[in-house]
Structures are given as C-alpha cells and as structure tokens.
Amino acid sequence: MQIGGGSRVPTLIDALIAVNGQGDQKKLRTIIERAADPRDFIGDEDRLEAVIKYLNARFEFDGLQITRQGKEVRLAELGAPVRVVSDLSATAASIDFDTVNRDLERALASVKTDPEDAVTSACSVVESVCRSILIELGMPLPSKKDIQGLYQAVREPLGLAPDKSGIDEQIVTDVRSILGGLNTVVNGIGALRTHGGDAHGRERGYRRIDPRIARLAIHSASSITLFLVETWQAKYPGRQLPNK
C-alpha cells in the first residue's frame, strides 16, 4: 500500500486523518503497520525498535500493540498473540508459507469481533500445512479433505501415529499419550468449526462462540501446526513445503 509522496510524517498524518474520517478500520490498520515496516529500517534495527516502543506507549491506552511477526509487524490486541502463535508466524515466514500466515492473521484479527470466523481460520491453518505435506510427498489427498481427514493422512509419513515404534522405552507411554491427545484436539477443532464456525453459514444475529473459546482454538491449532512443520523439517531436511 502506497501512502503517497512528499515528506513521510505529514503525508502519514494526512492519510490517517482521511482514512479515519472514512471509518475504514482495515485501511487504518494497514497504514499504522506500514509506519513501522521493517523494510524501511534495514540496517537500523535500533531505530525500528524505538519506533515500535513509541507507538506502543500510545496504543496501550486503546488496548492495542504492535508486535513483530516474522518479517512483518502487526497491530493486535494488547497481550496477543501468545508465544506459540508468534513462533508459528515466524516459522511460516521463514519458509515463505504465506497461506498459513494469512489464515493466522485472519484468525487473530477476528477473534473478538467475529469469533466464528476466527475458528474457521484456525482450522484452515492446520489444513494448509497438512495438504502441503501430502502434495510435497506425492501422496493423494484423502477423500475427506477436512482437518480430521488431512491430519490422519499425514500422521504416518511424519511418524506421528501413537503406536509408532522406535521411541525410548522410558518415555514411550508419555509420547504416545501426547500424540493421541493431538488427535483428540484436531477432532475437537474440526467439530467446533462444524458446529460453531462460519464455514457452513450461520443465522443472523446468533453467536455460538465467545472470544475465549476462539482463542483456545487458535492457540491449539498453532501448537499443532508448529509441531507439524518442525517434524517435517526434522524428517525431511532441505525440502520445502509448497503453498497449497
């Protein structure tokens, strides 16, 4: 997004006033984020951190903050995202996995205003990675291309089946319990999307999910996705995941 020509500060102020008058919150958020665009501070990291600190000292009064997410900055609610979400965003950026970051950003942006949409986006984060793993391995997509079907399909090639051998005997039961738990969480996220998300439509004025539950879905989906990406990198070093 181009803000315009001329001196950076006056042009930015004029753009903010104009957009604020239009009530375009999405464009206003974009302008604010571009004011701290890391590309404008290459070689001057200290100045970038000072800009972010200056802005956050003022956004704090509105319950907002600017955070670093990979190679970008994002304006979000104060205290969000938690570390696992930030780690996933940074990992996705490092491997140029833009589909994951788009779904993650959509989930975070709508968690308070549209929690149903946030759950749908969180589910899509896991689905995108699972699809990409199967495509890169030349394996067919399952007949059921929902989160449950896709996750089941990648467990075997990634060695994530709870009954998988080759695990230290002292921790084998613990690891199998956690892997079985991941499967349960995946099923839960998929069911929540079906029953409470917006993937299948929703009636006017009715909200099934509150932001607290939406955040739980986002954090759970982020943990699973980060684990899948890290497992892929460990099992298939040097191989890139396609954006599919």
Protein backbone atom coordinates (compact mmCIF):
# COMPACT_ATOMS: atom_id res chain seq x y z
CA MET A 1 0.00 0.00 0.00
CA GLN A 2 1.39 3.37 -1.01
CA ILE A 3 0.74 6.26 1.34
CA GLY A 4 1.76 8.91 -1.15
CA GLY A 5 4.61 11.23 -1.96
CA GLY A 6 6.15 14.05 -0.05
CA SER A 7 7.54 14.15 3.47
CA ARG A 8 6.84 10.89 5.31
CA VAL A 9 5.39 12.30 8.55
CA PRO A 10 2.97 14.94 7.13
CA THR A 11 1.83 12.52 4.42
CA LEU A 12 1.22 9.81 7.01
CA ILE A 13 -0.77 12.21 9.21
CA ASP A 14 -2.92 13.32 6.28
CA ALA A 15 -3.57 9.70 5.30
CA LEU A 16 -4.56 8.75 8.84
CA ILE A 17 -6.96 11.68 9.15
CA ALA A 18 -8.56 10.90 5.79
CA VAL A 19 -8.98 7.17 6.44
CA ASN A 20 -10.21 7.72 9.99
CA GLY A 21 -12.87 10.04 8.62
CA GLN A 22 -13.97 7.31 6.21
CA GLY A 23 -14.26 4.78 9.04
CA ASP A 24 -12.15 2.25 7.14
CA GLN A 25 -10.59 0.31 10.03
CA LYS A 26 -8.80 -2.19 7.79
CA LYS A 27 -7.02 0.53 5.81
CA LEU A 28 -6.25 2.44 9.02
CA ARG A 29 -4.61 -0.67 10.48
CA THR A 30 -2.56 -1.14 7.30
CA ILE A 31 -1.28 2.45 7.38
CA ILE A 32 -0.25 2.10 11.04
CA GLU A 33 1.59 -1.15 10.33
CA ARG A 34 3.37 0.35 7.34
CA ALA A 35 4.64 3.17 9.55
CA ALA A 36 6.80 0.56 11.31
CA ASP A 37 7.57 -1.55 8.24
CA PRO A 38 10.91 -3.34 8.90
CA ARG A 39 11.88 -2.85 5.25
CA ASP A 40 12.19 0.87 5.93
CA PHE A 41 14.65 0.24 8.77
CA ILE A 42 17.08 -2.26 7.22
CA GLY A 43 20.45 -1.75 8.87
CA ASP A 44 18.91 0.35 11.63
CA GLU A 45 17.25 -2.18 13.94
CA ASP A 46 17.57 0.09 16.98
CA ARG A 47 15.54 2.81 15.27
CA LEU A 48 12.82 0.31 14.35
CA GLU A 49 12.56 -0.89 17.96
CA ALA A 50 12.38 2.73 19.12
CA VAL A 51 9.51 3.42 16.69
CA ILE A 52 7.61 0.35 17.87
CA LYS A 53 8.20 1.29 21.51
CA TYR A 54 6.99 4.85 20.87
CA LEU A 55 3.81 3.69 19.13
CA ASN A 56 3.04 1.00 21.71
CA ALA A 57 3.30 3.50 24.58
CA ARG A 58 0.35 5.30 22.95
CA PHE A 59 -1.60 2.29 21.67
CA GLU A 60 -1.59 0.86 25.19
CA PHE A 61 -4.36 3.30 26.15
CA ASP A 62 -6.58 1.74 23.45
CA GLY A 63 -5.73 -1.86 24.37
CA LEU A 64 -3.59 -2.35 21.26
CA GLN A 65 0.03 -3.14 20.49
CA ILE A 66 2.37 -3.56 17.53
CA THR A 67 4.21 -6.88 17.52
CA ARG A 68 6.95 -8.36 15.35
CA GLN A 69 5.74 -11.42 13.43
CA GLY A 70 8.45 -12.88 11.28
CA LYS A 71 9.50 -10.24 8.76
CA GLU A 72 6.43 -8.10 9.37
CA VAL A 73 4.72 -6.14 12.14
CA ARG A 74 1.07 -6.45 13.09
CA LEU A 75 -1.32 -4.29 15.10
CA ALA A 76 -3.24 -6.52 17.50
CA GLU A 77 -4.99 -6.53 20.83
CA LEU A 78 -2.73 -5.91 23.83
CA GLY A 79 -1.36 -9.22 25.07
CA ALA A 80 -1.96 -11.12 21.82
CA PRO A 81 -0.67 -13.25 20.31
CA VAL A 82 0.81 -15.68 22.79
CA ARG A 83 4.29 -17.05 22.21
CA VAL A 84 3.27 -20.17 20.29
CA VAL A 85 1.31 -18.05 17.79
CA SER A 86 4.28 -15.72 17.32
CA ASP A 87 6.61 -18.70 16.88
CA LEU A 88 4.35 -20.21 14.23
CA SER A 89 4.10 -16.90 12.40
CA ALA A 90 7.89 -16.51 12.40
CA THR A 91 8.40 -20.10 11.24
CA ALA A 92 5.84 -19.71 8.44
CA ALA A 93 7.57 -16.51 7.33
CA SER A 94 11.00 -18.18 7.34
CA ILE A 95 9.81 -20.87 4.90
CA ASP A 96 7.67 -18.45 2.86
CA PHE A 97 4.46 -20.21 3.89
CA ASP A 98 2.17 -17.29 3.16
CA THR A 99 -1.09 -19.28 3.27
CA VAL A 100 -0.50 -20.13 6.93
CA ASN A 101 0.29 -16.55 7.86
CA ARG A 102 -2.78 -15.25 6.02
CA ASP A 103 -5.10 -17.64 7.86
CA LEU A 104 -3.35 -16.94 11.17
CA GLU A 105 -3.61 -13.19 10.73
CA ARG A 106 -7.27 -13.51 9.79
CA ALA A 107 -7.94 -15.58 12.90
CA LEU A 108 -6.19 -13.11 15.20
CA ALA A 109 -7.86 -10.11 13.61
CA SER A 110 -11.37 -11.51 14.02
CA VAL A 111 -11.10 -13.30 17.38
CA LYS A 112 -13.00 -10.56 19.21
CA THR A 113 -15.27 -9.16 16.52
CA ASP A 114 -16.07 -12.42 14.72
CA PRO A 115 -15.03 -15.46 16.80
CA GLU A 116 -16.84 -17.88 14.47
CA ASP A 117 -14.68 -16.73 11.56
CA ALA A 118 -11.60 -16.95 13.80
CA VAL A 119 -12.31 -20.65 14.46
CA THR A 120 -12.75 -21.31 10.74
CA SER A 121 -9.41 -19.63 10.02
CA ALA A 122 -7.63 -21.52 12.82
CA CYS A 123 -8.86 -24.78 11.30
CA SER A 124 -7.58 -23.69 7.88
CA VAL A 125 -4.08 -23.16 9.32
CA VAL A 126 -3.76 -26.87 10.15
CA GLU A 127 -5.40 -27.94 6.89
CA SER A 128 -2.99 -25.86 4.76
CA VAL A 129 0.10 -27.47 6.27
CA CYS A 130 -1.32 -31.00 6.05
CA ARG A 131 -2.27 -30.51 2.38
CA SER A 132 1.18 -29.16 1.56
CA ILE A 133 2.93 -32.10 3.25
CA LEU A 134 0.89 -34.62 1.28
CA ILE A 135 1.42 -32.77 -2.01
CA GLU A 136 5.19 -32.48 -1.47
CA LEU A 137 5.40 -36.22 -0.72
CA GLY A 138 3.38 -37.05 -3.82
CA MET A 139 0.65 -38.65 -1.75
CA PRO A 140 -3.05 -38.40 -2.68
CA LEU A 141 -5.29 -36.17 -0.65
CA PRO A 142 -7.81 -38.10 1.46
CA SER A 143 -11.41 -38.42 0.34
CA LYS A 144 -12.39 -36.27 3.32
CA LYS A 145 -10.34 -33.09 2.95
CA ASP A 146 -11.36 -31.64 6.30
CA ILE A 147 -8.96 -31.16 9.19
CA GLN A 148 -9.58 -34.64 10.61
CA GLY A 149 -9.04 -36.42 7.30
CA LEU A 150 -5.94 -34.41 6.39
CA TYR A 151 -4.32 -34.86 9.80
CA GLN A 152 -4.93 -38.61 9.74
CA ALA A 153 -3.28 -38.75 6.31
CA VAL A 154 -0.04 -37.05 7.42
CA ARG A 155 0.43 -38.93 10.69
CA GLU A 156 2.01 -41.99 9.11
CA PRO A 157 4.52 -40.27 6.75
CA LEU A 158 5.58 -37.99 9.61
CA GLY A 159 5.80 -40.85 12.10
CA LEU A 160 3.13 -39.43 14.39
CA ALA A 161 0.96 -42.49 14.89
CA PRO A 162 0.52 -43.17 18.65
CA ASP A 163 1.56 -46.81 18.13
CA LYS A 164 4.77 -45.89 16.30
CA SER A 165 7.81 -47.82 17.47
CA GLY A 166 11.36 -46.54 17.86
CA ILE A 167 10.71 -44.35 20.91
CA ASP A 168 12.78 -44.58 24.08
CA GLU A 169 11.11 -47.04 26.45
CA GLN A 170 11.25 -44.58 29.34
CA ILE A 171 9.04 -42.07 27.56
CA VAL A 172 7.16 -44.18 25.03
CA THR A 173 3.90 -44.16 27.02
CA ASP A 174 4.11 -40.41 27.58
CA VAL A 175 4.81 -39.64 23.93
CA ARG A 176 2.01 -41.89 22.76
CA SER A 177 -0.38 -40.18 25.17
CA ILE A 178 0.54 -36.74 23.81
CA LEU A 179 0.23 -37.90 20.19
CA GLY A 180 -3.15 -39.41 20.99
CA GLY A 181 -4.09 -36.12 22.61
CA LEU A 182 -3.14 -34.21 19.46
CA ASN A 183 -5.55 -36.36 17.51
CA THR A 184 -8.29 -35.55 20.03
CA VAL A 185 -7.56 -31.81 19.79
CA VAL A 186 -7.65 -31.94 15.98
CA ASN A 187 -11.05 -33.64 16.11
CA GLY A 188 -12.24 -31.04 18.61
CA ILE A 189 -11.17 -28.10 16.43
CA GLY A 190 -12.87 -29.68 13.42
CA ALA A 191 -16.07 -30.31 15.35
CA LEU A 192 -16.06 -26.75 16.73
CA ARG A 193 -15.71 -25.39 13.21
CA THR A 194 -18.64 -27.52 12.06
CA HIS A 195 -20.93 -26.71 14.97
CA GLY A 196 -19.88 -23.17 15.80
CA GLY A 197 -17.79 -21.75 12.97
CA ASP A 198 -18.99 -19.91 9.89
CA ALA A 199 -17.84 -22.42 7.27
CA HIS A 200 -21.38 -23.71 6.77
CA GLY A 201 -23.24 -20.44 7.24
CA ARG A 202 -24.97 -19.05 10.30
CA GLU A 203 -28.23 -17.39 11.09
CA ARG A 204 -28.44 -13.63 11.54
CA GLY A 205 -27.60 -12.22 14.95
CA TYR A 206 -26.75 -15.54 16.64
CA ARG A 207 -23.30 -16.12 18.16
CA ARG A 208 -22.30 -19.58 19.31
CA ILE A 209 -18.68 -18.90 20.25
CA ASP A 210 -17.16 -16.28 22.54
CA PRO A 211 -13.64 -14.87 22.04
CA ARG A 212 -12.23 -17.02 24.85
CA ILE A 213 -13.13 -20.23 23.01
CA ALA A 214 -11.93 -18.78 19.70
CA ARG A 215 -8.52 -18.03 21.25
CA LEU A 216 -8.36 -21.59 22.58
CA ALA A 217 -8.92 -22.88 19.05
CA ILE A 218 -6.27 -20.54 17.62
CA HIS A 219 -3.67 -21.46 20.23
CA SER A 220 -4.38 -25.18 19.86
CA ALA A 221 -4.24 -25.02 16.05
CA SER A 222 -1.00 -23.02 16.22
CA SER A 223 0.65 -25.58 18.53
CA ILE A 224 -0.33 -28.45 16.25
CA THR A 225 0.76 -26.64 13.09
CA LEU A 226 4.12 -25.61 14.55
CA PHE A 227 4.74 -29.21 15.63
CA LEU A 228 3.87 -30.49 12.14
CA VAL A 229 6.22 -28.01 10.44
CA GLU A 230 9.07 -28.75 12.85
CA THR A 231 8.52 -32.50 12.43
CA TRP A 232 8.60 -32.07 8.65
CA GLN A 233 11.83 -30.08 8.84
CA ALA A 234 13.44 -32.75 11.06
CA LYS A 235 12.30 -35.70 8.93
CA TYR A 236 12.82 -34.11 5.51
CA PRO A 237 15.60 -31.53 5.95
CA GLY A 238 16.12 -29.26 2.96
CA ARG A 239 12.72 -29.98 1.41
CA GLN A 240 10.38 -27.01 1.09
CA LEU A 241 6.64 -27.18 1.65
CA PRO A 242 4.60 -25.81 -1.27
CA ASN A 243 1.95 -23.17 -0.63
CA LYS A 244 -1.12 -25.28 -1.41
